[in-house]
Amino acid sequence: MTARNISQFWEWGRKIICVGRNYADHAKELKNAIPTEPVLFLKPPSAYVREGSPILVPPYTGNLHHEVELGVVIGKGGTAIPQAAAMEHVAGYALCLDMTARDIQDECKSRGLPWTLAKAFNTSCPVSDFIPKERIPDPANVQLWLKVNEQLRQSGSTSQMIFSIPYLISYISDFITLEEGDLILTGTPKGVSAVQEHDELQAGIQDVVTMSFRVDRQD
C-alpha cells in the first residue's frame, strides 16, 4: 500500500471536526451565548473543495455565509490525548472556510434539529494547501482575514479563541478518536456575512498563505 501524503490530507482524511462559537465576538454577533465547553459538529470529506473549483450555493439556501478559520491537520491519531501532549499529534495547518447556510441553521436551531444541511453540503469546506507545522510556530497568535470582492469582511487573531488548540484536541479525543488526516476547524472571528453568486472570496493567514474562491449556484 502506498504511504499516504499528509500534505494532501483532503484526499484521504476521514473526517472534519468543527468547533462552533469559539470566538466570543462571533458568538455575540449571532446572538448566541458564549459557550462554557466546545460546541462540536461534523462535515464529511465530500465537503472539501480546492482552489480552481467553485463554492457551490445549495439550492435550498438564500443566505450563505463565509467563516474563515485556522484548520489543524492531525498527523498522529489518538484517544484521550492529554493537553500537554496534544501538539505532538499536529502535523500542520490549513486555511479553511466553513461555509454555512445561515437561514437553514437558524431554522434548525429554532426547531432543535441538527445543523447538517446548514454545514455539511458539498463544497462547504474550502481548504488551502497544507501548511507545515514549522511555518506557524505559534498557532495561538495567527492573523486571519477574509475579503469579498476586495472588501475586508473578517479580520481576527487566534489569540481571541475561547478554547485553545491543545484543549480542543484533548477534549475532542475524549469522545471521538482522532485519526491521521483528520481536520479540526477551530472557529471563526466576527464579521461573517452573506455571499452571492459570482462573488470572489479571498482569504489569508498573514505572512503564510492566501487562497481565492468564486461562488457559483449549484445546478
Protein backbone atom coordinates (compact mmCIF):
# COMPACT_ATOMS: atom_id res chain seq x y z
CA MET A 1 0.00 0.00 0.00
CA THR A 2 1.33 3.43 -0.94
CA ALA A 3 2.17 5.67 2.02
CA ARG A 4 -0.36 8.46 2.46
CA ASN A 5 0.84 12.01 1.92
CA ILE A 6 -0.27 14.27 4.77
CA SER A 7 0.15 17.31 2.52
CA GLN A 8 -2.89 16.06 0.58
CA PHE A 9 -4.98 15.19 3.64
CA TRP A 10 -8.20 16.27 1.89
CA GLU A 11 -7.89 13.32 -0.49
CA TRP A 12 -7.99 10.63 2.19
CA GLY A 13 -8.70 12.15 5.62
CA ARG A 14 -11.81 10.60 7.13
CA LYS A 15 -13.48 13.45 8.99
CA ILE A 16 -13.70 17.19 9.59
CA ILE A 17 -14.48 18.15 13.18
CA CYS A 18 -15.69 21.72 13.57
CA VAL A 19 -15.79 23.94 16.65
CA GLY A 20 -18.62 26.46 16.79
CA ARG A 21 -18.70 29.73 18.73
CA ASN A 22 -15.02 29.62 19.67
CA TYR A 23 -14.64 33.43 19.37
CA ALA A 24 -16.74 35.43 21.82
CA ASP A 25 -17.41 38.31 19.41
CA HIS A 26 -18.67 35.88 16.76
CA ALA A 27 -20.99 34.19 19.27
CA LYS A 28 -22.34 37.62 20.21
CA GLU A 29 -22.87 38.77 16.59
CA LEU A 30 -25.15 35.75 16.05
CA LYS A 31 -26.84 36.35 19.42
CA ASN A 32 -25.56 33.07 20.85
CA ALA A 33 -24.43 32.50 24.42
CA ILE A 34 -20.67 32.28 24.94
CA PRO A 35 -20.03 28.54 25.46
CA THR A 36 -18.51 27.05 28.58
CA GLU A 37 -17.40 23.94 26.68
CA PRO A 38 -16.69 23.41 22.97
CA VAL A 39 -19.63 23.21 20.57
CA LEU A 40 -18.85 20.48 18.03
CA PHE A 41 -20.31 19.47 14.67
CA LEU A 42 -19.04 17.45 11.71
CA LYS A 43 -18.51 17.85 7.99
CA PRO A 44 -17.89 14.86 5.69
CA PRO A 45 -14.77 14.68 3.48
CA SER A 46 -17.05 15.38 0.49
CA ALA A 47 -17.27 18.96 1.83
CA TYR A 48 -13.68 19.67 0.74
CA VAL A 49 -13.10 21.96 -2.24
CA ARG A 50 -9.79 23.24 -3.54
CA GLU A 51 -8.73 26.39 -5.37
CA GLY A 52 -9.71 26.27 -9.01
CA SER A 53 -13.12 24.82 -8.23
CA PRO A 54 -16.06 26.97 -7.11
CA ILE A 55 -18.00 27.14 -3.87
CA LEU A 56 -21.49 25.99 -4.84
CA VAL A 57 -24.53 27.58 -3.20
CA PRO A 58 -27.00 24.80 -2.29
CA PRO A 59 -30.41 25.28 -3.93
CA TYR A 60 -32.19 25.28 -0.55
CA THR A 61 -30.47 28.35 0.95
CA GLY A 62 -30.88 32.06 0.33
CA ASN A 63 -28.30 33.15 2.91
CA LEU A 64 -24.88 31.50 2.51
CA HIS A 65 -22.25 32.87 4.90
CA HIS A 66 -18.44 32.74 4.92
CA GLU A 67 -16.48 31.84 8.07
CA VAL A 68 -12.67 31.94 7.84
CA GLU A 69 -10.84 29.56 10.19
CA LEU A 70 -7.50 28.04 11.09
CA GLY A 71 -7.61 24.30 10.42
CA VAL A 72 -5.46 21.86 12.39
CA VAL A 73 -4.32 18.76 10.49
CA ILE A 74 -3.83 15.68 12.66
CA GLY A 75 -0.65 13.74 11.93
CA LYS A 76 -0.80 11.16 14.69
CA GLY A 77 -4.06 9.65 15.91
CA GLY A 78 -5.12 9.05 19.47
CA THR A 79 -7.86 8.79 22.07
CA ALA A 80 -7.99 10.71 25.37
CA ILE A 81 -4.94 12.78 24.41
CA PRO A 82 -3.61 14.88 27.33
CA GLN A 83 -3.37 18.62 26.69
CA ALA A 84 0.35 18.51 27.46
CA ALA A 85 0.92 16.09 24.59
CA ALA A 86 -1.68 17.47 22.18
CA MET A 87 0.65 19.38 19.87
CA GLU A 88 2.65 16.21 19.23
CA HIS A 89 -0.40 15.00 17.28
CA VAL A 90 -0.41 18.03 14.94
CA ALA A 91 1.20 17.59 11.50
CA GLY A 92 0.41 21.08 10.29
CA TYR A 93 -2.35 23.51 9.43
CA ALA A 94 -4.60 24.76 6.64
CA LEU A 95 -6.55 27.91 5.98
CA CYS A 96 -10.21 26.91 5.77
CA LEU A 97 -13.66 28.32 5.19
CA ASP A 98 -16.71 26.96 7.00
CA MET A 99 -19.44 27.84 4.52
CA THR A 100 -22.78 27.97 6.32
CA ALA A 101 -26.36 28.10 5.10
CA ARG A 102 -27.34 30.56 7.82
CA ASP A 103 -31.08 30.55 7.17
CA ILE A 104 -31.14 26.76 7.38
CA GLN A 105 -29.00 26.79 10.52
CA ASP A 106 -31.35 29.31 12.17
CA GLU A 107 -34.36 27.18 11.28
CA CYS A 108 -32.69 24.04 12.63
CA LYS A 109 -31.71 25.80 15.85
CA SER A 110 -35.26 27.09 16.38
CA ARG A 111 -36.64 23.56 15.95
CA GLY A 112 -33.96 21.81 18.00
CA LEU A 113 -32.68 19.94 14.93
CA PRO A 114 -29.10 19.11 13.83
CA TRP A 115 -27.20 21.58 11.61
CA THR A 116 -26.20 19.03 8.96
CA LEU A 117 -27.89 20.63 5.95
CA ALA A 118 -26.51 24.03 7.00
CA LYS A 119 -22.92 22.91 7.38
CA ALA A 120 -22.11 19.63 5.61
CA PHE A 121 -23.10 20.17 1.97
CA ASN A 122 -20.69 19.68 -0.95
CA THR A 123 -18.03 22.45 -1.18
CA SER A 124 -18.80 23.70 2.34
CA CYS A 125 -15.13 23.34 3.37
CA PRO A 126 -12.72 25.18 1.06
CA VAL A 127 -9.11 24.48 2.07
CA SER A 128 -5.71 25.91 1.24
CA ASP A 129 -2.55 23.99 0.60
CA PHE A 130 -1.15 22.12 3.60
CA ILE A 131 0.93 24.35 5.90
CA PRO A 132 3.80 22.50 7.63
CA LYS A 133 3.83 22.87 11.40
CA GLU A 134 7.10 24.82 11.43
CA ARG A 135 5.61 27.61 9.30
CA ILE A 136 3.23 28.51 12.16
CA PRO A 137 5.40 28.34 15.29
CA ASP A 138 2.71 30.00 17.44
CA PRO A 139 -0.78 28.87 16.35
CA ALA A 140 -2.24 30.78 19.29
CA ASN A 141 -1.28 34.07 17.62
CA VAL A 142 -2.25 33.81 13.95
CA GLN A 143 -3.90 36.64 12.00
CA LEU A 144 -6.81 35.54 9.79
CA TRP A 145 -8.57 37.69 7.19
CA LEU A 146 -11.23 37.35 4.52
CA LYS A 147 -12.33 39.68 1.72
CA VAL A 148 -15.40 39.51 -0.51
CA ASN A 149 -14.92 41.32 -3.85
CA GLU A 150 -11.85 43.07 -2.36
CA GLN A 151 -13.84 44.36 0.65
CA LEU A 152 -12.48 43.25 4.03
CA ARG A 153 -15.15 41.36 5.97
CA GLN A 154 -13.28 39.36 8.62
CA SER A 155 -10.05 40.10 10.46
CA GLY A 156 -9.08 38.46 13.72
CA SER A 157 -6.45 36.55 15.65
CA THR A 158 -6.46 33.04 17.03
CA SER A 159 -5.39 34.69 20.29
CA GLN A 160 -9.11 35.54 20.62
CA MET A 161 -10.18 31.88 20.72
CA ILE A 162 -12.04 30.79 23.84
CA PHE A 163 -10.64 27.23 23.74
CA SER A 164 -7.00 26.68 22.75
CA ILE A 165 -5.84 24.16 20.17
CA PRO A 166 -4.33 21.79 22.80
CA TYR A 167 -7.57 21.96 24.79
CA LEU A 168 -9.66 21.23 21.68
CA ILE A 169 -7.52 18.25 20.67
CA SER A 170 -7.74 16.81 24.17
CA TYR A 171 -11.48 17.50 24.52
CA ILE A 172 -12.41 16.08 21.12
CA SER A 173 -10.26 12.97 21.54
CA ASP A 174 -12.07 12.10 24.78
CA PHE A 175 -15.20 11.42 22.70
CA ILE A 176 -14.04 10.96 19.10
CA THR A 177 -10.84 9.11 18.29
CA LEU A 178 -8.63 11.38 16.20
CA GLU A 179 -7.02 9.77 13.15
CA GLU A 180 -4.19 10.76 10.84
CA GLY A 181 -5.54 13.11 8.18
CA ASP A 182 -8.43 14.44 10.26
CA LEU A 183 -9.01 18.19 10.18
CA ILE A 184 -10.17 20.31 13.13
CA LEU A 185 -11.75 23.67 12.28
CA THR A 186 -11.09 25.93 15.26
CA GLY A 187 -13.81 28.57 14.88
CA THR A 188 -14.21 31.93 13.19
CA PRO A 189 -13.75 35.55 14.28
CA LYS A 190 -16.55 38.10 13.95
CA GLY A 191 -17.59 39.61 10.65
CA VAL A 192 -19.41 36.73 8.98
CA SER A 193 -21.77 37.82 6.22
CA ALA A 194 -23.63 36.59 3.16
CA VAL A 195 -22.10 35.84 -0.23
CA GLN A 196 -23.82 35.85 -3.60
CA GLU A 197 -23.38 34.02 -6.87
CA HIS A 198 -20.31 35.35 -8.77
CA ASP A 199 -18.70 36.81 -5.63
CA GLU A 200 -14.92 36.41 -5.33
CA LEU A 201 -13.63 35.37 -1.91
CA GLN A 202 -10.03 35.88 -0.86
CA ALA A 203 -8.75 34.67 2.49
CA GLY A 204 -5.38 34.56 4.17
CA ILE A 205 -3.18 33.82 7.13
CA GLN A 206 -0.91 36.84 7.43
CA ASP A 207 2.58 36.15 6.03
CA VAL A 208 1.77 32.44 5.48
CA VAL A 209 -0.85 31.67 2.81
CA THR A 210 -3.69 33.11 0.74
CA MET A 211 -6.43 31.46 -1.31
CA SER A 212 -9.25 32.55 -3.63
CA PHE A 213 -12.62 31.04 -4.49
CA ARG A 214 -15.51 32.02 -6.74
CA VAL A 215 -19.11 31.46 -5.65
CA ASP A 216 -21.44 29.73 -8.12
CA ARG A 217 -25.00 28.48 -7.91
CA GLN A 218 -25.46 24.72 -7.83
CA ASP A 219 -27.31 23.44 -10.90
